[in-house]
Amino acid sequence: MLASTRNIIARFGSAGAFVRVPSALNIKQPLVHHKPVITKCLSTSTVTNKWFTKETRKEYTLDTEQMKGLADNDKITLVDVREPYEVYGGRVPAKRYVHIPLGFFYGAWQSSEEDFEKKFGAKKPKPDEEVVFMCRGGIRSTFAMQLAQDMGYSKAKNYPDGWNGWEKSLD
């Protein structure tokens, strides 16, 4: 099927969104996966469970208290990579918020600023801006953060507590 190019395809969660990542991105960190539902690697290498981990290094993550401070002060763009049915249950009230399901993330990040704003109703973050990625529990957002960093967004961070952590902090 894709014998001439090396691509990785992963299925995320029960919604079945597939993401195709060209190996030209030169991803330095292992790829991640929310639930090991179906995973295929269309290359000579094999994907194992060690690839599916959450980013926890402090220089790439924010905890819930840091997230609250930044979201309230309009200092970050929060990119929520959960599926639409998950967002219906609630979202972090960040002033600069954009919802891009993970299956659409790569294409969205490659689109022009006009197309991005038309499709997602928010301005596309610039590579030098602080961007924080979140999902429900930190796995999908780690994957999105890694892709963004490889596309030049050096200030991209992950909120590994995700919606689960945010919801617990409201109690």
C-alpha atoms as a PDB file:
ATOM      1  CA  MET A   1       0.000   0.000   0.000  1.00  0.00           C
ATOM      2  CA  LEU A   2       2.612   2.582   1.060  1.00  0.00           C
ATOM      3  CA  ALA A   3       5.761   0.719   0.139  1.00  0.00           C
ATOM      4  CA  SER A   4       7.649   3.778  -1.114  1.00  0.00           C
ATOM      5  CA  THR A   5       7.076   5.912   1.994  1.00  0.00           C
ATOM      6  CA  ARG A   6       7.342   5.030   5.648  1.00  0.00           C
ATOM      7  CA  ASN A   7       4.193   6.041   7.512  1.00  0.00           C
ATOM      8  CA  ILE A   8       2.823   5.219  10.910  1.00  0.00           C
ATOM      9  CA  ILE A   9      -0.918   4.833  11.353  1.00  0.00           C
ATOM     10  CA  ALA A  10      -2.480   4.609  14.801  1.00  0.00           C
ATOM     11  CA  ARG A  11      -6.076   4.355  15.918  1.00  0.00           C
ATOM     12  CA  PHE A  12      -7.007   6.453  18.945  1.00  0.00           C
ATOM     13  CA  GLY A  13      -9.753   5.521  21.374  1.00  0.00           C
ATOM     14  CA  SER A  14     -13.110   4.054  20.601  1.00  0.00           C
ATOM     15  CA  ALA A  15     -13.969   6.785  18.096  1.00  0.00           C
ATOM     16  CA  GLY A  16     -11.603   5.211  15.614  1.00  0.00           C
ATOM     17  CA  ALA A  17      -9.785   8.328  14.432  1.00  0.00           C
ATOM     18  CA  PHE A  18      -6.720   7.402  12.413  1.00  0.00           C
ATOM     19  CA  VAL A  19      -3.647   9.588  12.221  1.00  0.00           C
ATOM     20  CA  ARG A  20      -1.036   9.228   9.500  1.00  0.00           C
ATOM     21  CA  VAL A  21       2.352  10.615  10.449  1.00  0.00           C
ATOM     22  CA  PRO A  22       5.059  10.859   7.793  1.00  0.00           C
ATOM     23  CA  SER A  23       8.377   9.634   9.117  1.00  0.00           C
ATOM     24  CA  ALA A  24       9.949  12.769   7.632  1.00  0.00           C
ATOM     25  CA  LEU A  25       8.888  14.546  10.827  1.00  0.00           C
ATOM     26  CA  ASN A  26      11.816  12.794  12.502  1.00  0.00           C
ATOM     27  CA  ILE A  27       9.970  12.225  15.772  1.00  0.00           C
ATOM     28  CA  LYS A  28      12.571  11.903  18.512  1.00  0.00           C
ATOM     29  CA  GLN A  29      10.270  10.617  21.248  1.00  0.00           C
ATOM     30  CA  PRO A  30       8.169   7.456  21.056  1.00  0.00           C
ATOM     31  CA  LEU A  31       4.672   7.846  19.647  1.00  0.00           C
ATOM     32  CA  VAL A  32       1.747   7.513  22.032  1.00  0.00           C
ATOM     33  CA  HIS A  33      -1.664   5.916  21.975  1.00  0.00           C
ATOM     34  CA  HIS A  34      -4.665   6.372  24.256  1.00  0.00           C
ATOM     35  CA  LYS A  35      -5.835   2.751  24.270  1.00  0.00           C
ATOM     36  CA  PRO A  36      -4.093  -0.050  22.410  1.00  0.00           C
ATOM     37  CA  VAL A  37      -7.197  -0.800  20.312  1.00  0.00           C
ATOM     38  CA  ILE A  38      -5.539  -1.275  16.913  1.00  0.00           C
ATOM     39  CA  THR A  39      -2.052  -0.222  15.963  1.00  0.00           C
ATOM     40  CA  LYS A  40      -0.235  -0.853  12.710  1.00  0.00           C
ATOM     41  CA  CYS A  41       3.173   0.282  11.649  1.00  0.00           C
ATOM     42  CA  LEU A  42       3.596   0.253   7.885  1.00  0.00           C
ATOM     43  CA  SER A  43       7.359  -0.107   7.908  1.00  0.00           C
ATOM     44  CA  THR A  44       9.952  -2.687   8.781  1.00  0.00           C
ATOM     45  CA  SER A  45       9.857  -1.806  12.491  1.00  0.00           C
ATOM     46  CA  THR A  46       7.254  -2.975  14.984  1.00  0.00           C
ATOM     47  CA  VAL A  47       5.395  -0.903  17.535  1.00  0.00           C
ATOM     48  CA  THR A  48       5.343  -2.171  21.089  1.00  0.00           C
ATOM     49  CA  ASN A  49       3.590  -1.046  24.256  1.00  0.00           C
ATOM     50  CA  LYS A  50       6.665   0.919  25.392  1.00  0.00           C
ATOM     51  CA  TRP A  51       5.730   3.520  22.748  1.00  0.00           C
ATOM     52  CA  PHE A  52       2.433   4.366  24.392  1.00  0.00           C
ATOM     53  CA  THR A  53       3.353   6.550  27.345  1.00  0.00           C
ATOM     54  CA  LYS A  54       2.318   9.896  28.779  1.00  0.00           C
ATOM     55  CA  GLU A  55       4.782  12.825  28.781  1.00  0.00           C
ATOM     56  CA  THR A  56       5.722  13.566  32.402  1.00  0.00           C
ATOM     57  CA  ARG A  57       9.007  15.512  32.195  1.00  0.00           C
ATOM     58  CA  LYS A  58       8.554  18.843  33.995  1.00  0.00           C
ATOM     59  CA  GLU A  59      10.009  20.953  31.174  1.00  0.00           C
ATOM     60  CA  TYR A  60       7.246  19.703  28.843  1.00  0.00           C
ATOM     61  CA  THR A  61       4.269  19.568  31.212  1.00  0.00           C
ATOM     62  CA  LEU A  62       1.986  21.706  33.352  1.00  0.00           C
ATOM     63  CA  ASP A  63       0.168  20.614  36.500  1.00  0.00           C
ATOM     64  CA  THR A  64      -3.418  21.642  37.253  1.00  0.00           C
ATOM     65  CA  GLU A  65      -2.464  24.685  39.359  1.00  0.00           C
ATOM     66  CA  GLN A  66      -0.129  26.017  36.659  1.00  0.00           C
ATOM     67  CA  MET A  67      -2.799  25.357  34.061  1.00  0.00           C
ATOM     68  CA  LYS A  68      -5.417  27.328  36.026  1.00  0.00           C
ATOM     69  CA  GLY A  69      -3.119  30.330  36.310  1.00  0.00           C
ATOM     70  CA  LEU A  70      -2.171  30.369  32.644  1.00  0.00           C
ATOM     71  CA  ALA A  71      -5.684  29.740  31.323  1.00  0.00           C
ATOM     72  CA  ASP A  72      -7.166  32.521  33.464  1.00  0.00           C
ATOM     73  CA  ASN A  73      -4.498  35.034  32.412  1.00  0.00           C
ATOM     74  CA  ASP A  74      -4.754  34.476  28.651  1.00  0.00           C
ATOM     75  CA  LYS A  75      -1.089  33.451  28.451  1.00  0.00           C
ATOM     76  CA  ILE A  76      -1.512  30.257  26.443  1.00  0.00           C
ATOM     77  CA  THR A  77      -3.483  28.766  23.604  1.00  0.00           C
ATOM     78  CA  LEU A  78      -5.125  25.590  24.842  1.00  0.00           C
ATOM     79  CA  VAL A  79      -5.571  22.937  22.164  1.00  0.00           C
ATOM     80  CA  ASP A  80      -8.053  20.253  23.189  1.00  0.00           C
ATOM     81  CA  VAL A  81      -7.484  17.076  21.162  1.00  0.00           C
ATOM     82  CA  ARG A  82     -10.391  15.075  22.628  1.00  0.00           C
ATOM     83  CA  GLU A  83     -13.215  13.775  20.484  1.00  0.00           C
ATOM     84  CA  PRO A  84     -16.377  15.925  20.186  1.00  0.00           C
ATOM     85  CA  TYR A  85     -18.462  13.608  22.383  1.00  0.00           C
ATOM     86  CA  GLU A  86     -15.868  14.079  25.169  1.00  0.00           C
ATOM     87  CA  VAL A  87     -15.917  17.868  24.882  1.00  0.00           C
ATOM     88  CA  TYR A  88     -19.711  17.894  25.303  1.00  0.00           C
ATOM     89  CA  GLY A  89     -19.066  16.819  28.902  1.00  0.00           C
ATOM     90  CA  GLY A  90     -17.173  20.044  29.600  1.00  0.00           C
ATOM     91  CA  ARG A  91     -14.013  21.923  28.785  1.00  0.00           C
ATOM     92  CA  VAL A  92     -11.322  24.012  30.442  1.00  0.00           C
ATOM     93  CA  PRO A  93     -12.450  27.679  30.366  1.00  0.00           C
ATOM     94  CA  ALA A  94      -9.292  29.040  28.738  1.00  0.00           C
ATOM     95  CA  LYS A  95      -9.606  32.414  27.029  1.00  0.00           C
ATOM     96  CA  ARG A  96      -7.720  31.146  23.961  1.00  0.00           C
ATOM     97  CA  TYR A  97      -9.166  27.698  23.313  1.00  0.00           C
ATOM     98  CA  VAL A  98      -9.395  25.585  20.189  1.00  0.00           C
ATOM     99  CA  HIS A  99     -10.851  22.107  19.830  1.00  0.00           C
ATOM    100  CA  ILE A 100      -9.079  19.928  17.252  1.00  0.00           C
ATOM    101  CA  PRO A 101      -9.781  16.199  17.537  1.00  0.00           C
ATOM    102  CA  LEU A 102      -6.520  14.286  17.277  1.00  0.00           C
ATOM    103  CA  GLY A 103      -7.527  12.682  13.995  1.00  0.00           C
ATOM    104  CA  PHE A 104      -7.626  16.159  12.415  1.00  0.00           C
ATOM    105  CA  PHE A 105      -4.606  17.609  14.203  1.00  0.00           C
ATOM    106  CA  TYR A 106      -1.859  16.973  11.664  1.00  0.00           C
ATOM    107  CA  GLY A 107      -3.888  18.383   8.767  1.00  0.00           C
ATOM    108  CA  ALA A 108      -5.062  21.361  10.823  1.00  0.00           C
ATOM    109  CA  TRP A 109      -1.531  22.262  11.859  1.00  0.00           C
ATOM    110  CA  GLN A 110      -0.452  22.122   8.194  1.00  0.00           C
ATOM    111  CA  SER A 111      -3.297  24.378   6.999  1.00  0.00           C
ATOM    112  CA  SER A 112      -3.073  28.105   6.280  1.00  0.00           C
ATOM    113  CA  GLU A 113      -4.060  30.638   8.938  1.00  0.00           C
ATOM    114  CA  GLU A 114      -7.261  31.538   7.044  1.00  0.00           C
ATOM    115  CA  ASP A 115      -8.335  27.916   6.611  1.00  0.00           C
ATOM    116  CA  PHE A 116      -7.526  27.148  10.237  1.00  0.00           C
ATOM    117  CA  GLU A 117      -9.627  30.062  11.503  1.00  0.00           C
ATOM    118  CA  LYS A 118     -12.528  29.171   9.188  1.00  0.00           C
ATOM    119  CA  LYS A 119     -12.597  25.543  10.239  1.00  0.00           C
ATOM    120  CA  PHE A 120     -11.878  25.836  13.980  1.00  0.00           C
ATOM    121  CA  GLY A 121     -13.131  29.339  14.827  1.00  0.00           C
ATOM    122  CA  ALA A 122      -9.861  30.433  16.431  1.00  0.00           C
ATOM    123  CA  LYS A 123      -6.579  31.918  15.304  1.00  0.00           C
ATOM    124  CA  LYS A 124      -3.843  29.449  14.464  1.00  0.00           C
ATOM    125  CA  PRO A 125      -1.065  29.698  17.064  1.00  0.00           C
ATOM    126  CA  LYS A 126       2.295  30.929  15.841  1.00  0.00           C
ATOM    127  CA  PRO A 127       5.371  28.712  16.350  1.00  0.00           C
ATOM    128  CA  ASP A 128       6.831  31.106  18.947  1.00  0.00           C
ATOM    129  CA  GLU A 129       3.649  31.195  21.102  1.00  0.00           C
ATOM    130  CA  GLU A 130       2.996  29.029  24.138  1.00  0.00           C
ATOM    131  CA  VAL A 131       0.632  26.216  23.205  1.00  0.00           C
ATOM    132  CA  VAL A 132      -0.660  23.645  25.682  1.00  0.00           C
ATOM    133  CA  PHE A 133      -2.248  20.385  24.571  1.00  0.00           C
ATOM    134  CA  MET A 134      -4.820  18.477  26.581  1.00  0.00           C
ATOM    135  CA  CYS A 135      -7.018  15.424  26.244  1.00  0.00           C
ATOM    136  CA  ARG A 136      -8.769  13.295  28.836  1.00  0.00           C
ATOM    137  CA  GLY A 137      -5.723  11.734  30.472  1.00  0.00           C
ATOM    138  CA  GLY A 138      -2.528  12.919  28.771  1.00  0.00           C
ATOM    139  CA  ILE A 139      -1.757  10.282  26.146  1.00  0.00           C
ATOM    140  CA  ARG A 140      -3.286  11.839  23.029  1.00  0.00           C
ATOM    141  CA  SER A 141      -2.092  15.294  24.077  1.00  0.00           C
ATOM    142  CA  THR A 142       1.463  13.961  24.378  1.00  0.00           C
ATOM    143  CA  PHE A 143       1.247  12.736  20.798  1.00  0.00           C
ATOM    144  CA  ALA A 144      -0.077  16.127  19.595  1.00  0.00           C
ATOM    145  CA  MET A 145       2.600  17.994  21.565  1.00  0.00           C
ATOM    146  CA  GLN A 146       5.343  15.877  19.996  1.00  0.00           C
ATOM    147  CA  LEU A 147       3.998  16.530  16.507  1.00  0.00           C
ATOM    148  CA  ALA A 148       3.766  20.275  17.194  1.00  0.00           C
ATOM    149  CA  GLN A 149       7.329  20.382  18.515  1.00  0.00           C
ATOM    150  CA  ASP A 150       8.537  18.591  15.417  1.00  0.00           C
ATOM    151  CA  MET A 151       6.698  21.183  13.301  1.00  0.00           C
ATOM    152  CA  GLY A 152       8.601  24.043  14.989  1.00  0.00           C
ATOM    153  CA  TYR A 153       6.422  24.843  18.013  1.00  0.00           C
ATOM    154  CA  SER A 154       9.266  24.809  20.529  1.00  0.00           C
ATOM    155  CA  LYS A 155       7.125  26.167  23.392  1.00  0.00           C
ATOM    156  CA  ALA A 156       4.515  23.407  23.093  1.00  0.00           C
ATOM    157  CA  LYS A 157       3.631  21.736  26.390  1.00  0.00           C
ATOM    158  CA  ASN A 158       1.365  18.978  27.599  1.00  0.00           C
ATOM    159  CA  TYR A 159      -1.250  19.040  30.360  1.00  0.00           C
ATOM    160  CA  PRO A 160      -1.012  15.354  31.355  1.00  0.00           C
ATOM    161  CA  ASP A 161      -3.779  15.510  33.981  1.00  0.00           C
ATOM    162  CA  GLY A 162      -6.171  16.414  31.172  1.00  0.00           C
ATOM    163  CA  TRP A 163      -9.901  16.738  31.639  1.00  0.00           C
ATOM    164  CA  ASN A 164      -9.858  14.095  34.379  1.00  0.00           C
ATOM    165  CA  GLY A 165      -7.472  16.188  36.488  1.00  0.00           C
ATOM    166  CA  TRP A 166      -9.290  19.442  35.758  1.00  0.00           C
ATOM    167  CA  GLU A 167     -12.651  17.947  36.745  1.00  0.00           C
ATOM    168  CA  LYS A 168     -11.208  16.611  40.022  1.00  0.00           C
ATOM    169  CA  SER A 169      -9.815  20.061  40.867  1.00  0.00           C
ATOM    170  CA  LEU A 170     -13.333  21.544  40.659  1.00  0.00           C
ATOM    171  CA  ASP A 171     -14.570  19.455  43.606  1.00  0.00           C
END
